[in-house]
Amino acid sequence: PLRLTLRPAMVLEALLQAKGRFVSRTALQEN
């Protein structure tokens, strides 16, 4: 297990979903 609290985990999810593409700071914040 990689121990993460909820919001860092949500950021990780958004980055992985992008499959190597850049995700803007605004998009991460809106998520």
All heavy atoms as atom14 arrays in JSON, in Angstrom:
{
  "sequence": "PLRLTLRPAMVLEALLQAKGRFVSRTALQEN",
  "atom14_mask": [
    [1, 1, 1, 1, 1, 1, 1, 0, 0, 0, 0, 0, 0, 0],
    [1, 1, 1, 1, 1, 1, 1, 1, 0, 0, 0, 0, 0, 0],
    [1, 1, 1, 1, 1, 1, 1, 1, 1, 1, 1, 0, 0, 0],
    [1, 1, 1, 1, 1, 1, 1, 1, 0, 0, 0, 0, 0, 0],
    [1, 1, 1, 1, 1, 1, 1, 0, 0, 0, 0, 0, 0, 0],
    [1, 1, 1, 1, 1, 1, 1, 1, 0, 0, 0, 0, 0, 0],
    [1, 1, 1, 1, 1, 1, 1, 1, 1, 1, 1, 0, 0, 0],
    [1, 1, 1, 1, 1, 1, 1, 0, 0, 0, 0, 0, 0, 0],
    [1, 1, 1, 1, 1, 0, 0, 0, 0, 0, 0, 0, 0, 0],
    [1, 1, 1, 1, 1, 1, 1, 1, 0, 0, 0, 0, 0, 0],
    [1, 1, 1, 1, 1, 1, 1, 0, 0, 0, 0, 0, 0, 0],
    [1, 1, 1, 1, 1, 1, 1, 1, 0, 0, 0, 0, 0, 0],
    [1, 1, 1, 1, 1, 1, 1, 1, 1, 0, 0, 0, 0, 0],
    [1, 1, 1, 1, 1, 0, 0, 0, 0, 0, 0, 0, 0, 0],
    [1, 1, 1, 1, 1, 1, 1, 1, 0, 0, 0, 0, 0, 0],
    [1, 1, 1, 1, 1, 1, 1, 1, 0, 0, 0, 0, 0, 0],
    [1, 1, 1, 1, 1, 1, 1, 1, 1, 0, 0, 0, 0, 0],
    [1, 1, 1, 1, 1, 0, 0, 0, 0, 0, 0, 0, 0, 0],
    [1, 1, 1, 1, 1, 1, 1, 1, 1, 0, 0, 0, 0, 0],
    [1, 1, 1, 1, 0, 0, 0, 0, 0, 0, 0, 0, 0, 0],
    [1, 1, 1, 1, 1, 1, 1, 1, 1, 1, 1, 0, 0, 0],
    [1, 1, 1, 1, 1, 1, 1, 1, 1, 1, 1, 0, 0, 0],
    [1, 1, 1, 1, 1, 1, 1, 0, 0, 0, 0, 0, 0, 0],
    [1, 1, 1, 1, 1, 1, 0, 0, 0, 0, 0, 0, 0, 0],
    [1, 1, 1, 1, 1, 1, 1, 1, 1, 1, 1, 0, 0, 0],
    [1, 1, 1, 1, 1, 1, 1, 0, 0, 0, 0, 0, 0, 0],
    [1, 1, 1, 1, 1, 0, 0, 0, 0, 0, 0, 0, 0, 0],
    [1, 1, 1, 1, 1, 1, 1, 1, 0, 0, 0, 0, 0, 0],
    [1, 1, 1, 1, 1, 1, 1, 1, 1, 0, 0, 0, 0, 0],
    [1, 1, 1, 1, 1, 1, 1, 1, 1, 0, 0, 0, 0, 0],
    [1, 1, 1, 1, 1, 1, 1, 1, 0, 0, 0, 0, 0, 0]
  ],
  "atom14_positions": [
    [[0.82, -1.22, 0.0], [0.0, 0.0, 0.0], [0.85, 1.27, 0.0], [1.89, 1.34, 0.67], [-0.8, -0.11, 1.31], [-0.77, -1.55, 1.67], [0.55, -2.08, 1.17], [0.0, 0.0, 0.0], [0.0, 0.0, 0.0], [0.0, 0.0, 0.0], [0.0, 0.0, 0.0], [0.0, 0.0, 0.0], [0.0, 0.0, 0.0], [0.0, 0.0, 0.0]],
    [[0.42, 2.24, -0.79], [1.03, 3.57, -0.8], [0.12, 4.45, 0.05], [-1.02, 4.73, -0.33], [1.13, 4.1, -2.22], [1.96, 5.36, -2.46], [3.43, 5.1, -2.17], [1.77, 5.86, -3.89], [0.0, 0.0, 0.0], [0.0, 0.0, 0.0], [0.0, 0.0, 0.0], [0.0, 0.0, 0.0], [0.0, 0.0, 0.0], [0.0, 0.0, 0.0]],
    [[0.6, 4.86, 1.19], [-0.26, 5.55, 2.15], [-0.44, 7.01, 1.73], [0.49, 7.81, 1.79], [0.31, 5.46, 3.55], [0.5, 4.01, 4.0], [0.77, 3.87, 5.47], [1.03, 2.5, 5.84], [0.09, 1.56, 6.0], [-1.18, 1.89, 5.83], [0.41, 0.33, 6.33], [0.0, 0.0, 0.0], [0.0, 0.0, 0.0], [0.0, 0.0, 0.0]],
    [[-1.67, 7.32, 1.3], [-2.02, 8.67, 0.86], [-3.32, 9.09, 1.51], [-4.25, 8.27, 1.65], [-2.19, 8.71, -0.67], [-0.99, 8.36, -1.54], [-1.42, 8.27, -2.99], [0.13, 9.38, -1.38], [0.0, 0.0, 0.0], [0.0, 0.0, 0.0], [0.0, 0.0, 0.0], [0.0, 0.0, 0.0], [0.0, 0.0, 0.0], [0.0, 0.0, 0.0]],
    [[-3.42, 10.36, 1.88], [-4.71, 10.89, 2.31], [-5.57, 11.15, 1.07], [-5.1, 11.04, -0.07], [-4.53, 12.17, 3.14], [-3.75, 13.11, 2.39], [-3.82, 11.87, 4.46], [0.0, 0.0, 0.0], [0.0, 0.0, 0.0], [0.0, 0.0, 0.0], [0.0, 0.0, 0.0], [0.0, 0.0, 0.0], [0.0, 0.0, 0.0], [0.0, 0.0, 0.0]],
    [[-6.82, 11.52, 1.29], [-7.8, 11.52, 0.2], [-7.43, 12.46, -0.95], [-7.41, 12.05, -2.12], [-9.18, 11.9, 0.75], [-10.3, 11.95, -0.28], [-10.46, 10.61, -0.99], [-11.61, 12.36, 0.38], [0.0, 0.0, 0.0], [0.0, 0.0, 0.0], [0.0, 0.0, 0.0], [0.0, 0.0, 0.0], [0.0, 0.0, 0.0], [0.0, 0.0, 0.0]],
    [[-7.1, 13.71, -0.65], [-6.9, 14.65, -1.75], [-5.63, 14.37, -2.56], [-5.66, 14.45, -3.79], [-6.96, 16.08, -1.23], [-8.41, 16.52, -1.01], [-8.55, 17.95, -0.61], [-9.92, 18.41, -0.81], [-10.38, 19.6, -0.44], [-9.56, 20.45, 0.16], [-11.63, 19.93, -0.67], [0.0, 0.0, 0.0], [0.0, 0.0, 0.0], [0.0, 0.0, 0.0]],
    [[-4.5, 14.04, -1.94], [-3.37, 13.6, -2.76], [-3.72, 12.38, -3.62], [-3.25, 12.27, -4.75], [-2.28, 13.28, -1.73], [-2.59, 14.19, -0.58], [-4.08, 14.21, -0.52], [0.0, 0.0, 0.0], [0.0, 0.0, 0.0], [0.0, 0.0, 0.0], [0.0, 0.0, 0.0], [0.0, 0.0, 0.0], [0.0, 0.0, 0.0], [0.0, 0.0, 0.0]],
    [[-4.53, 11.48, -3.09], [-4.95, 10.32, -3.87], [-5.79, 10.75, -5.07], [-5.66, 10.19, -6.17], [-5.74, 9.35, -3.0], [0.0, 0.0, 0.0], [0.0, 0.0, 0.0], [0.0, 0.0, 0.0], [0.0, 0.0, 0.0], [0.0, 0.0, 0.0], [0.0, 0.0, 0.0], [0.0, 0.0, 0.0], [0.0, 0.0, 0.0], [0.0, 0.0, 0.0]],
    [[-6.63, 11.76, -4.91], [-7.44, 12.26, -6.01], [-6.57, 12.93, -7.08], [-6.84, 12.82, -8.28], [-8.49, 13.23, -5.49], [-9.54, 12.56, -4.63], [-10.62, 13.75, -3.79], [-11.51, 14.45, -5.19], [0.0, 0.0, 0.0], [0.0, 0.0, 0.0], [0.0, 0.0, 0.0], [0.0, 0.0, 0.0], [0.0, 0.0, 0.0], [0.0, 0.0, 0.0]],
    [[-5.52, 13.63, -6.65], [-4.58, 14.23, -7.6], [-3.87, 13.12, -8.38], [-3.73, 13.19, -9.61], [-3.57, 15.13, -6.88], [-2.46, 15.57, -7.84], [-4.26, 16.35, -6.3], [0.0, 0.0, 0.0], [0.0, 0.0, 0.0], [0.0, 0.0, 0.0], [0.0, 0.0, 0.0], [0.0, 0.0, 0.0], [0.0, 0.0, 0.0], [0.0, 0.0, 0.0]],
    [[-3.43, 12.08, -7.69], [-2.77, 10.96, -8.35], [-3.71, 10.31, -9.37], [-3.3, 9.99, -10.49], [-2.33, 9.92, -7.31], [-1.68, 8.65, -7.86], [-0.42, 8.97, -8.67], [-1.36, 7.68, -6.73], [0.0, 0.0, 0.0], [0.0, 0.0, 0.0], [0.0, 0.0, 0.0], [0.0, 0.0, 0.0], [0.0, 0.0, 0.0], [0.0, 0.0, 0.0]],
    [[-4.96, 10.14, -9.0], [-5.94, 9.55, -9.93], [-6.06, 10.39, -11.2], [-6.05, 9.85, -12.32], [-7.3, 9.45, -9.24], [-8.39, 8.85, -10.13], [-9.72, 8.79, -9.41], [-9.96, 9.6, -8.49], [-10.54, 7.93, -9.77], [0.0, 0.0, 0.0], [0.0, 0.0, 0.0], [0.0, 0.0, 0.0], [0.0, 0.0, 0.0], [0.0, 0.0, 0.0]],
    [[-6.16, 11.71, -11.06], [-6.29, 12.58, -12.22], [-5.06, 12.5, -13.12], [-5.17, 12.5, -14.35], [-6.53, 14.02, -11.77], [0.0, 0.0, 0.0], [0.0, 0.0, 0.0], [0.0, 0.0, 0.0], [0.0, 0.0, 0.0], [0.0, 0.0, 0.0], [0.0, 0.0, 0.0], [0.0, 0.0, 0.0], [0.0, 0.0, 0.0], [0.0, 0.0, 0.0]],
    [[-3.88, 12.44, -12.53], [-2.65, 12.35, -13.31], [-2.57, 11.02, -14.06], [-2.17, 10.97, -15.23], [-1.43, 12.53, -12.4], [-1.26, 13.9, -11.75], [-0.07, 13.88, -10.79], [-1.09, 15.0, -12.79], [0.0, 0.0, 0.0], [0.0, 0.0, 0.0], [0.0, 0.0, 0.0], [0.0, 0.0, 0.0], [0.0, 0.0, 0.0], [0.0, 0.0, 0.0]],
    [[-2.94, 9.93, -13.39], [-2.9, 8.63, -14.04], [-3.93, 8.54, -15.16], [-3.67, 7.93, -16.21], [-3.13, 7.52, -13.01], [-1.98, 7.28, -12.03], [-2.43, 6.33, -10.92], [-0.76, 6.72, -12.75], [0.0, 0.0, 0.0], [0.0, 0.0, 0.0], [0.0, 0.0, 0.0], [0.0, 0.0, 0.0], [0.0, 0.0, 0.0], [0.0, 0.0, 0.0]],
    [[-5.1, 9.13, -14.96], [-6.12, 9.11, -16.0], [-5.66, 9.84, -17.26], [-6.09, 9.51, -18.37], [-7.42, 9.75, -15.48], [-8.17, 8.87, -14.5], [-9.37, 9.58, -13.91], [-9.44, 10.81, -13.89], [-10.32, 8.82, -13.4], [0.0, 0.0, 0.0], [0.0, 0.0, 0.0], [0.0, 0.0, 0.0], [0.0, 0.0, 0.0], [0.0, 0.0, 0.0]],
    [[-4.79, 10.82, -17.1], [-4.31, 11.6, -18.25], [-3.3, 10.83, -19.1], [-2.98, 11.25, -20.21], [-3.68, 12.9, -17.77], [0.0, 0.0, 0.0], [0.0, 0.0, 0.0], [0.0, 0.0, 0.0], [0.0, 0.0, 0.0], [0.0, 0.0, 0.0], [0.0, 0.0, 0.0], [0.0, 0.0, 0.0], [0.0, 0.0, 0.0], [0.0, 0.0, 0.0]],
    [[-2.78, 9.71, -18.61], [-1.91, 8.82, -19.37], [-0.71, 9.55, -19.98], [-0.44, 9.45, -21.18], [-2.71, 8.1, -20.45], [-3.81, 7.21, -19.9], [-4.58, 6.52, -20.99], [-5.66, 5.63, -20.39], [-6.46, 4.94, -21.44], [0.0, 0.0, 0.0], [0.0, 0.0, 0.0], [0.0, 0.0, 0.0], [0.0, 0.0, 0.0], [0.0, 0.0, 0.0]],
    [[0.0, 10.29, -19.15], [1.22, 10.95, -19.6], [1.04, 12.34, -20.14], [2.01, 13.04, -20.41], [0.0, 0.0, 0.0], [0.0, 0.0, 0.0], [0.0, 0.0, 0.0], [0.0, 0.0, 0.0], [0.0, 0.0, 0.0], [0.0, 0.0, 0.0], [0.0, 0.0, 0.0], [0.0, 0.0, 0.0], [0.0, 0.0, 0.0], [0.0, 0.0, 0.0]],
    [[-0.22, 12.78, -20.32], [-0.46, 14.14, -20.78], [-0.43, 15.09, -19.58], [-0.66, 14.69, -18.44], [-1.82, 14.25, -21.49], [-1.93, 13.36, -22.72], [-3.24, 13.62, -23.44], [-4.4, 13.37, -22.6], [-4.97, 12.19, -22.45], [-4.49, 11.13, -23.07], [-6.02, 12.06, -21.66], [0.0, 0.0, 0.0], [0.0, 0.0, 0.0], [0.0, 0.0, 0.0]],
    [[-0.16, 16.36, -19.86], [-0.17, 17.35, -18.8], [-1.6, 17.63, -18.34], [-2.54, 17.66, -19.15], [0.46, 18.66, -19.29], [1.96, 18.65, -19.33], [2.64, 18.49, -20.53], [2.69, 18.77, -18.16], [4.01, 18.47, -20.56], [4.08, 18.75, -18.18], [4.75, 18.6, -19.39], [0.0, 0.0, 0.0], [0.0, 0.0, 0.0], [0.0, 0.0, 0.0]],
    [[-1.74, 17.81, -17.04], [-3.01, 18.22, -16.44], [-2.77, 19.58, -15.8], [-1.88, 19.73, -14.96], [-3.5, 17.21, -15.39], [-4.86, 17.64, -14.84], [-3.57, 15.81, -15.96], [0.0, 0.0, 0.0], [0.0, 0.0, 0.0], [0.0, 0.0, 0.0], [0.0, 0.0, 0.0], [0.0, 0.0, 0.0], [0.0, 0.0, 0.0], [0.0, 0.0, 0.0]],
    [[-3.54, 20.56, -16.18], [-3.32, 21.91, -15.67], [-3.63, 22.0, -14.18], [-4.44, 21.22, -13.65], [-4.17, 22.93, -16.43], [-5.54, 22.78, -16.11], [0.0, 0.0, 0.0], [0.0, 0.0, 0.0], [0.0, 0.0, 0.0], [0.0, 0.0, 0.0], [0.0, 0.0, 0.0], [0.0, 0.0, 0.0], [0.0, 0.0, 0.0], [0.0, 0.0, 0.0]],
    [[-3.01, 22.96, -13.54], [-3.29, 23.2, -12.12], [-4.77, 23.51, -11.93], [-5.39, 23.05, -10.96], [-2.43, 24.37, -11.62], [-2.61, 24.68, -10.15], [-1.77, 25.89, -9.76], [-1.91, 26.2, -8.36], [-2.94, 26.88, -7.85], [-3.93, 27.29, -8.62], [-2.99, 27.13, -6.55], [0.0, 0.0, 0.0], [0.0, 0.0, 0.0], [0.0, 0.0, 0.0]],
    [[-5.35, 24.28, -12.85], [-6.77, 24.63, -12.74], [-7.64, 23.39, -12.81], [-8.59, 23.24, -12.04], [-7.16, 25.6, -13.87], [-6.39, 26.8, -13.74], [-8.64, 25.95, -13.79], [0.0, 0.0, 0.0], [0.0, 0.0, 0.0], [0.0, 0.0, 0.0], [0.0, 0.0, 0.0], [0.0, 0.0, 0.0], [0.0, 0.0, 0.0], [0.0, 0.0, 0.0]],
    [[-7.31, 22.46, -13.73], [-8.09, 21.24, -13.85], [-7.99, 20.39, -12.58], [-8.99, 19.82, -12.12], [-7.62, 20.44, -15.06], [0.0, 0.0, 0.0], [0.0, 0.0, 0.0], [0.0, 0.0, 0.0], [0.0, 0.0, 0.0], [0.0, 0.0, 0.0], [0.0, 0.0, 0.0], [0.0, 0.0, 0.0], [0.0, 0.0, 0.0], [0.0, 0.0, 0.0]],
    [[-6.8, 20.31, -12.0], [-6.64, 19.57, -10.75], [-7.46, 20.2, -9.64], [-8.11, 19.52, -8.85], [-5.17, 19.51, -10.35], [-4.26, 18.64, -11.23], [-2.81, 18.82, -10.8], [-4.65, 17.17, -11.14], [0.0, 0.0, 0.0], [0.0, 0.0, 0.0], [0.0, 0.0, 0.0], [0.0, 0.0, 0.0], [0.0, 0.0, 0.0], [0.0, 0.0, 0.0]],
    [[-7.43, 21.52, -9.58], [-8.17, 22.22, -8.53], [-9.67, 22.02, -8.69], [-10.38, 21.78, -7.72], [-7.82, 23.71, -8.57], [-8.35, 24.49, -7.37], [-7.66, 25.83, -7.23], [-6.68, 26.13, -7.91], [-8.18, 26.65, -6.34], [0.0, 0.0, 0.0], [0.0, 0.0, 0.0], [0.0, 0.0, 0.0], [0.0, 0.0, 0.0], [0.0, 0.0, 0.0]],
    [[-10.16, 22.1, -9.93], [-11.59, 21.91, -10.17], [-12.03, 20.49, -9.82], [-13.16, 20.27, -9.41], [-11.92, 22.21, -11.63], [-11.86, 23.69, -11.97], [-12.16, 23.96, -13.43], [-12.22, 22.97, -14.22], [-12.29, 25.14, -13.8], [0.0, 0.0, 0.0], [0.0, 0.0, 0.0], [0.0, 0.0, 0.0], [0.0, 0.0, 0.0], [0.0, 0.0, 0.0]],
    [[-11.11, 19.54, -9.97], [-11.43, 18.15, -9.64], [-11.63, 17.94, -8.15], [-12.28, 16.98, -7.73], [-10.31, 17.23, -10.14], [-10.72, 15.78, -10.2], [-11.76, 15.45, -10.75], [-9.9, 14.92, -9.64], [0.0, 0.0, 0.0], [0.0, 0.0, 0.0], [0.0, 0.0, 0.0], [0.0, 0.0, 0.0], [0.0, 0.0, 0.0], [0.0, 0.0, 0.0]]
  ]
}
